[in-house]
């Protein structure tokens, strides 16, 4: 909303509403009138939020019901915003109204967008997904870890999957969804986010957030850190409750090639760089690693950048035996690659 209240939780719908506001303001001015002061004051904030949800290639971060559609392309909308509401503030790092937190490296080569907000605004749950504490991560100027996105609505074969916890870069405990979702747009009891701790520097990041599951039986706490040398660490734990099993999902962009090495590592090739994903469990328990691409039974390993467009993409499923309070998760490290880029990588540039 332009007065500083809740923004739309789905970036695509924020872009659509923002474009409508800009059109109305421009029309009023063409007729010799001005928009209400609360609307005019809110437009720069809406522009800043849309800019933060826009990736380097001009696409949107695909949280909740978001897809890249012609009418919601951020570039033309932000160009119009510069003409209608000159002086828009640059994208902020934190948007507590929605729970989105954004960090980017000074050279623009790395960017992370983290979702730590409520599943939806209280008055409209139709476009909510089970994506609390999920994130998108760009590395070397290219998408690496991505949200699954949105394929379609009523009657769509991927609708249940797109809204489920397993379609996002977060953790599913004991097979129980974060919130109660069903049908095309239905949601009942929902997860409740906790407080966020956020410290962002030019070369490092420290995030900590949590949520209580819809049934109140579990609190999931997650921290995401980037050190000054460029390594990433994602750590999870059950801060309350006694889950027995957890599955952490990592959805890779379709252009990323992934394979298991040495039994307990995943090697990912991303735009000339090799990214090593190393799972860990502080209690020393075994970790089962599964790579799934383009499965339909059950549905897993798909990326939906646009309505009706389904791309098989590698999904890493890390299965842990959970000890209450003990941390588990994964680290991301890097090494150079001298191999030429694959055809898939070149096609996505």
Protein backbone atom coordinates (compact mmCIF):
# COMPACT_ATOMS: atom_id res chain seq x y z
CA UNK A 1 0.00 0.00 0.00
CA UNK A 2 1.39 3.44 -0.86
CA UNK A 3 0.96 4.94 2.62
CA UNK A 4 3.68 2.75 4.15
CA UNK A 5 1.50 -0.15 5.33
CA UNK A 6 1.84 -3.75 4.14
CA UNK A 7 3.20 -4.14 0.65
CA UNK A 8 1.87 -7.00 -1.43
CA UNK A 9 3.68 -10.18 -0.37
CA UNK A 10 3.99 -11.40 -3.97
CA UNK A 11 6.45 -9.15 -5.87
CA UNK A 12 4.51 -9.66 -9.12
CA UNK A 13 1.33 -8.25 -7.61
CA UNK A 14 3.24 -5.39 -6.01
CA UNK A 15 4.52 -4.51 -9.48
CA UNK A 16 1.01 -4.65 -10.89
CA UNK A 17 -0.51 -2.45 -8.18
CA UNK A 18 2.40 0.01 -8.38
CA UNK A 19 1.95 0.32 -12.14
CA UNK A 20 -1.76 1.05 -11.60
CA UNK A 21 -0.96 3.80 -9.08
CA UNK A 22 1.57 5.38 -11.44
CA UNK A 23 -0.96 5.38 -14.27
CA UNK A 24 -3.59 7.03 -12.07
CA UNK A 25 -1.17 9.72 -10.86
CA UNK A 26 -0.03 10.45 -14.42
CA UNK A 27 -3.65 10.70 -15.57
CA UNK A 28 -4.52 13.11 -12.73
CA UNK A 29 -1.58 15.33 -13.66
CA UNK A 30 -2.60 15.31 -17.31
CA UNK A 31 -5.96 16.65 -16.16
CA UNK A 32 -4.37 19.37 -14.07
CA UNK A 33 -4.88 17.67 -10.72
CA UNK A 34 -2.56 16.10 -8.13
CA UNK A 35 -2.81 12.79 -6.31
CA UNK A 36 -3.60 12.74 -2.57
CA UNK A 37 -0.52 13.49 -0.46
CA UNK A 38 -0.45 10.03 1.14
CA UNK A 39 -0.32 8.43 -2.31
CA UNK A 40 2.42 10.73 -3.59
CA UNK A 41 4.48 10.13 -0.45
CA UNK A 42 4.16 6.36 -0.78
CA UNK A 43 5.21 6.01 -4.42
CA UNK A 44 8.99 6.33 -3.77
CA UNK A 45 8.73 3.59 -1.15
CA UNK A 46 6.89 1.36 -3.58
CA UNK A 47 9.59 2.05 -6.18
CA UNK A 48 12.34 1.17 -3.70
CA UNK A 49 10.66 -2.12 -2.84
CA UNK A 50 10.18 -3.09 -6.49
CA UNK A 51 13.82 -2.23 -7.25
CA UNK A 52 14.96 -4.48 -4.41
CA UNK A 53 12.80 -7.35 -5.69
CA UNK A 54 14.28 -6.97 -9.19
CA UNK A 55 17.22 -9.17 -10.17
CA UNK A 56 20.18 -8.15 -12.34
CA UNK A 57 18.60 -9.54 -15.51
CA UNK A 58 15.39 -7.56 -14.98
CA UNK A 59 13.38 -10.49 -13.66
CA UNK A 60 11.45 -10.56 -10.38
CA UNK A 61 12.23 -12.52 -7.25
CA UNK A 62 9.57 -15.25 -7.42
CA UNK A 63 8.29 -15.42 -3.85
CA UNK A 64 4.66 -16.42 -3.26
CA UNK A 65 2.45 -16.18 -6.37
CA UNK A 66 4.93 -14.44 -8.64
CA UNK A 67 5.85 -15.03 -12.27
CA UNK A 68 7.53 -12.91 -14.91
CA UNK A 69 4.72 -11.51 -17.04
CA UNK A 70 4.85 -8.84 -19.75
CA UNK A 71 2.62 -6.43 -17.82
CA UNK A 72 4.67 -6.65 -14.61
CA UNK A 73 8.20 -6.36 -16.00
CA UNK A 74 10.03 -4.18 -13.44
CA UNK A 75 12.16 -2.22 -15.94
CA UNK A 76 9.39 -0.22 -17.68
CA UNK A 77 7.55 0.30 -14.37
CA UNK A 78 10.67 1.68 -12.67
CA UNK A 79 11.36 3.88 -15.71
CA UNK A 80 7.85 5.29 -15.39
CA UNK A 81 8.37 5.78 -11.65
CA UNK A 82 11.43 7.95 -12.28
CA UNK A 83 9.28 10.23 -14.40
CA UNK A 84 6.24 10.30 -12.10
CA UNK A 85 7.89 10.38 -8.68
CA UNK A 86 11.36 11.83 -9.21
CA UNK A 87 13.75 11.39 -6.30
CA UNK A 88 12.75 7.83 -5.41
CA UNK A 89 14.98 6.47 -2.70
CA UNK A 90 17.38 3.62 -3.55
CA UNK A 91 16.40 0.08 -2.63
CA UNK A 92 16.64 -0.45 1.11
CA UNK A 93 18.23 -3.51 2.66
CA UNK A 94 15.33 -4.38 4.95
CA UNK A 95 11.57 -4.20 4.47
CA UNK A 96 10.09 -5.20 7.84
CA UNK A 97 6.54 -4.49 6.62
CA UNK A 98 6.78 -7.59 4.44
CA UNK A 99 9.68 -9.44 6.02
CA UNK A 100 11.95 -9.30 2.96
CA UNK A 101 15.66 -8.70 3.56
CA UNK A 102 18.05 -7.93 0.70
CA UNK A 103 21.85 -7.88 0.54
CA UNK A 104 24.02 -7.28 -2.54
CA UNK A 105 27.77 -7.11 -2.98
CA UNK A 106 29.24 -3.73 -4.04
CA UNK A 107 30.12 -5.10 -7.50
CA UNK A 108 26.61 -6.49 -8.00
CA UNK A 109 27.92 -10.02 -8.57
CA UNK A 110 26.14 -11.48 -5.51
CA UNK A 111 22.67 -10.86 -4.18
CA UNK A 112 20.41 -12.60 -1.70
CA UNK A 113 16.73 -11.97 -0.97
CA UNK A 114 15.41 -13.64 2.20
CA UNK A 115 11.74 -14.11 3.08
CA UNK A 116 11.08 -13.88 6.82
CA UNK A 117 7.60 -12.34 6.73
CA UNK A 118 4.07 -13.63 7.32
CA UNK A 119 2.62 -15.95 4.65
CA UNK A 120 0.23 -13.21 3.54
CA UNK A 121 -1.57 -10.08 4.61
CA UNK A 122 -4.35 -11.03 7.05
CA UNK A 123 -7.18 -10.05 4.71
CA UNK A 124 -6.05 -11.96 1.60
CA UNK A 125 -4.33 -15.35 1.84
CA UNK A 126 -5.01 -16.43 -1.75
CA UNK A 127 -1.46 -15.97 -3.05
CA UNK A 128 0.46 -17.30 -0.02
CA UNK A 129 3.08 -20.06 -0.18
CA UNK A 130 4.86 -22.06 2.52
CA UNK A 131 8.13 -20.19 1.95
CA UNK A 132 9.12 -18.77 5.35
CA UNK A 133 12.91 -18.48 5.72
CA UNK A 134 13.40 -19.32 2.05
CA UNK A 135 15.73 -17.25 -0.13
CA UNK A 136 17.04 -16.60 -3.63
CA UNK A 137 20.80 -16.30 -4.21
CA UNK A 138 22.71 -14.91 -7.19
CA UNK A 139 26.41 -15.72 -7.56
CA UNK A 140 28.91 -14.49 -10.18
CA UNK A 141 26.20 -12.30 -11.65
CA UNK A 142 23.90 -15.25 -12.40
CA UNK A 143 20.97 -16.94 -10.66
CA UNK A 144 22.12 -19.88 -8.54
CA UNK A 145 19.54 -20.80 -5.87
CA UNK A 146 16.04 -19.83 -7.01
CA UNK A 147 12.44 -19.98 -5.91
CA UNK A 148 10.34 -22.47 -7.88
CA UNK A 149 7.94 -19.71 -8.98
CA UNK A 150 4.36 -20.01 -10.23
CA UNK A 151 3.03 -22.16 -13.08
CA UNK A 152 -0.71 -21.44 -12.92
CA UNK A 153 -3.89 -21.25 -10.85
CA UNK A 154 -7.17 -23.17 -10.96
CA UNK A 155 -6.79 -26.70 -12.28
CA UNK A 156 -3.04 -26.34 -12.79
CA UNK A 157 -1.12 -29.61 -12.28
CA UNK A 158 1.68 -27.83 -10.40
CA UNK A 159 -0.48 -25.63 -8.14
CA UNK A 160 -0.20 -27.80 -5.01
CA UNK A 161 3.54 -28.15 -5.46
CA UNK A 162 4.17 -24.42 -5.98
CA UNK A 163 2.52 -23.59 -2.63
CA UNK A 164 4.14 -26.43 -0.66
CA UNK A 165 7.15 -26.15 1.64
CA UNK A 166 9.15 -28.53 -0.56
CA UNK A 167 8.99 -26.06 -3.48
CA UNK A 168 11.08 -23.50 -1.55
CA UNK A 169 14.60 -23.21 -0.15
CA UNK A 170 13.60 -23.97 3.40
CA UNK A 171 13.06 -26.98 5.71
CA UNK A 172 10.17 -29.45 5.99
CA UNK A 173 9.93 -31.05 9.44
CA UNK A 174 8.30 -34.50 9.73
CA UNK A 175 6.41 -33.94 6.48
CA UNK A 176 4.20 -31.21 8.01
CA UNK A 177 3.67 -28.02 5.97
CA UNK A 178 4.47 -24.61 7.48
CA UNK A 179 0.86 -23.43 7.01
CA UNK A 180 -2.42 -25.13 6.14
CA UNK A 181 -2.90 -24.62 2.40
CA UNK A 182 -5.12 -26.46 -0.05
CA UNK A 183 -7.06 -25.95 -3.25
CA UNK A 184 -6.20 -23.08 -5.55
CA UNK A 185 -6.29 -20.23 -3.06
CA UNK A 186 -7.25 -21.62 0.35
CA UNK A 187 -5.30 -21.15 3.59
CA UNK A 188 -6.43 -21.72 7.19
CA UNK A 189 -4.03 -21.74 10.15
CA UNK A 190 -0.74 -20.18 9.20
CA UNK A 191 2.86 -19.95 10.38
CA UNK A 192 3.75 -16.98 12.59
CA UNK A 193 7.14 -15.34 11.98
CA UNK A 194 9.38 -14.35 14.88
CA UNK A 195 11.76 -11.45 15.30
CA UNK A 196 14.60 -10.89 12.84
CA UNK A 197 18.21 -9.98 13.57
CA UNK A 198 19.95 -8.41 10.57
CA UNK A 199 23.47 -7.08 10.14
CA UNK A 200 24.66 -6.20 6.64
CA UNK A 201 28.13 -4.93 5.75
CA UNK A 202 29.78 -4.37 2.38
CA UNK A 203 31.45 -7.81 2.40
CA UNK A 204 29.48 -9.78 5.00
CA UNK A 205 25.98 -10.59 6.11
CA UNK A 206 24.40 -12.06 9.24
CA UNK A 207 20.69 -12.91 9.29
CA UNK A 208 18.67 -14.76 11.91
CA UNK A 209 14.92 -15.40 11.79
CA UNK A 210 12.33 -17.89 12.95
CA UNK A 211 8.69 -18.90 12.73
CA UNK A 212 6.21 -21.00 14.71
CA UNK A 213 4.43 -23.64 12.61
CA UNK A 214 0.66 -23.38 12.16
CA UNK A 215 -0.03 -26.09 14.76
CA UNK A 216 2.20 -24.46 17.38
CA UNK A 217 4.20 -27.67 17.78
CA UNK A 218 7.46 -26.45 16.25
CA UNK A 219 9.66 -23.35 16.08
CA UNK A 220 12.12 -23.32 13.19
CA UNK A 221 15.10 -20.99 13.58
CA UNK A 222 17.46 -20.24 10.69
CA UNK A 223 20.63 -18.20 10.31
CA UNK A 224 22.23 -17.21 7.00
CA UNK A 225 25.75 -15.81 7.01
CA UNK A 226 28.23 -14.63 4.42
CA UNK A 227 31.82 -14.17 5.59
CA UNK A 228 34.23 -11.57 4.25
CA UNK A 229 35.99 -14.23 2.13
CA UNK A 230 32.78 -15.04 0.25
CA UNK A 231 31.70 -18.27 1.95
CA UNK A 232 28.05 -18.83 2.84
CA UNK A 233 26.57 -20.81 5.75
CA UNK A 234 22.91 -21.73 6.25
CA UNK A 235 22.14 -23.17 9.68
CA UNK A 236 18.81 -24.50 10.97
CA UNK A 237 17.52 -25.90 14.23
CA UNK A 238 14.28 -26.80 15.94
CA UNK A 239 14.22 -24.19 18.71
CA UNK A 240 10.99 -25.67 20.12
CA UNK A 241 9.28 -29.00 19.53
CA UNK A 242 10.64 -32.51 19.04
CA UNK A 243 10.76 -33.29 15.32
CA UNK A 244 12.40 -36.52 14.27
CA UNK A 245 13.26 -35.75 10.64
CA UNK A 246 13.98 -32.65 8.58
CA UNK A 247 14.42 -32.24 4.83
CA UNK A 248 16.20 -29.10 3.64
CA UNK A 249 15.57 -28.18 0.00
CA UNK A 250 17.93 -26.25 -2.29
CA UNK A 251 16.44 -25.37 -5.69
CA UNK A 252 19.11 -24.64 -8.28
CA UNK A 253 18.58 -22.62 -11.44
CA UNK A 254 18.05 -24.81 -14.53
CA UNK A 255 21.40 -23.63 -15.97
CA UNK A 256 23.31 -24.96 -12.94
CA UNK A 257 24.83 -28.44 -13.28
CA UNK A 258 25.03 -30.45 -10.06
CA UNK A 259 26.47 -33.81 -9.03
CA UNK A 260 27.39 -35.62 -5.83
CA UNK A 261 31.09 -36.09 -5.11
CA UNK A 262 32.89 -37.98 -2.35
CA UNK A 263 29.55 -39.24 -1.05
CA UNK A 264 28.80 -36.22 1.13
CA UNK A 265 29.37 -33.12 -1.05
CA UNK A 266 27.52 -31.55 -3.97
CA UNK A 267 29.50 -29.92 -6.75
CA UNK A 268 27.63 -27.23 -8.70
CA UNK A 269 28.89 -25.48 -11.77
CA UNK A 270 27.67 -21.90 -12.15
CA UNK A 271 29.00 -19.51 -14.82
CA UNK A 272 32.61 -20.65 -14.77
CA UNK A 273 32.73 -21.18 -10.99
CA UNK A 274 32.51 -24.37 -9.04
CA UNK A 275 30.34 -24.11 -5.93
CA UNK A 276 30.74 -26.83 -3.33
CA UNK A 277 27.76 -27.44 -1.05
CA UNK A 278 28.75 -29.22 2.14
CA UNK A 279 25.93 -30.42 4.44
CA UNK A 280 26.59 -30.63 8.19
CA UNK A 281 24.85 -31.86 11.34
CA UNK A 282 26.23 -30.78 14.70
CA UNK A 283 25.01 -33.97 16.37
CA UNK A 284 27.14 -36.05 13.98
CA UNK A 285 24.21 -37.98 12.51
CA UNK A 286 24.23 -39.26 8.95
CA UNK A 287 22.84 -37.05 6.19
CA UNK A 288 21.05 -38.47 3.16
CA UNK A 289 21.65 -36.47 -0.05
CA UNK A 290 19.32 -36.77 -3.03
CA UNK A 291 19.39 -34.87 -6.32
CA UNK A 292 16.04 -34.65 -8.14
CA UNK A 293 15.38 -33.06 -11.54
CA UNK A 294 12.01 -32.90 -13.28
CA UNK A 295 10.14 -35.52 -11.25
CA UNK A 296 6.36 -35.77 -11.59
CA UNK A 297 5.70 -38.45 -8.97
CA UNK A 298 6.09 -36.83 -6.56
CA UNK A 299 6.45 -33.42 -8.19
CA UNK A 300 9.93 -32.06 -7.48
CA UNK A 301 12.77 -30.37 -9.35
CA UNK A 302 10.94 -27.76 -11.43
CA UNK A 303 11.38 -24.04 -12.08
CA UNK A 304 8.49 -21.88 -13.31
CA UNK A 305 9.84 -18.46 -14.40
CA UNK A 306 6.66 -17.59 -16.34
CA UNK A 307 3.02 -18.68 -16.37
CA UNK A 308 2.75 -22.08 -18.04
CA UNK A 309 6.51 -22.54 -18.45
CA UNK A 310 7.96 -25.57 -16.63
CA UNK A 311 11.74 -26.08 -16.69
CA UNK A 312 13.37 -29.15 -15.10
CA UNK A 313 15.91 -27.90 -12.56
CA UNK A 314 18.18 -29.68 -10.08
CA UNK A 315 16.83 -29.77 -6.53
CA UNK A 316 19.04 -30.91 -3.65
CA UNK A 317 17.16 -32.68 -0.86
CA UNK A 318 19.16 -33.01 2.37
CA UNK A 319 17.54 -35.38 4.87
CA UNK A 320 18.57 -35.10 8.53
CA UNK A 321 17.71 -36.96 11.72
CA UNK A 322 16.95 -34.11 14.10
CA UNK A 323 18.21 -33.69 17.64
CA UNK A 324 16.27 -31.00 19.51
CA UNK A 325 18.31 -27.80 19.64
CA UNK A 326 21.18 -29.16 17.51
CA UNK A 327 22.07 -27.22 14.37
CA UNK A 328 22.13 -28.69 10.89
CA UNK A 329 22.48 -27.13 7.47
CA UNK A 330 25.05 -26.56 4.73
CA UNK A 331 27.99 -24.43 3.68
CA UNK A 332 28.76 -22.99 0.25
CA UNK A 333 32.37 -22.66 -0.83
CA UNK A 334 34.02 -21.97 -4.17
CA UNK A 335 36.82 -22.99 -6.46
CA UNK A 336 37.73 -21.80 -9.95
CA UNK A 337 36.83 -23.79 -13.03
CA UNK A 338 38.80 -23.79 -16.30
CA UNK A 339 36.15 -25.76 -18.16
CA UNK A 340 34.12 -23.95 -20.86
CA UNK A 341 30.59 -22.96 -19.97
CA UNK A 342 27.87 -25.42 -20.86
CA UNK A 343 25.28 -24.70 -23.58
CA UNK A 344 22.67 -24.25 -20.84
CA UNK A 345 24.80 -21.62 -19.09
CA UNK A 346 25.44 -19.72 -22.32
CA UNK A 347 21.75 -19.79 -23.23
CA UNK A 348 20.80 -18.17 -19.95
CA UNK A 349 23.18 -15.21 -20.30
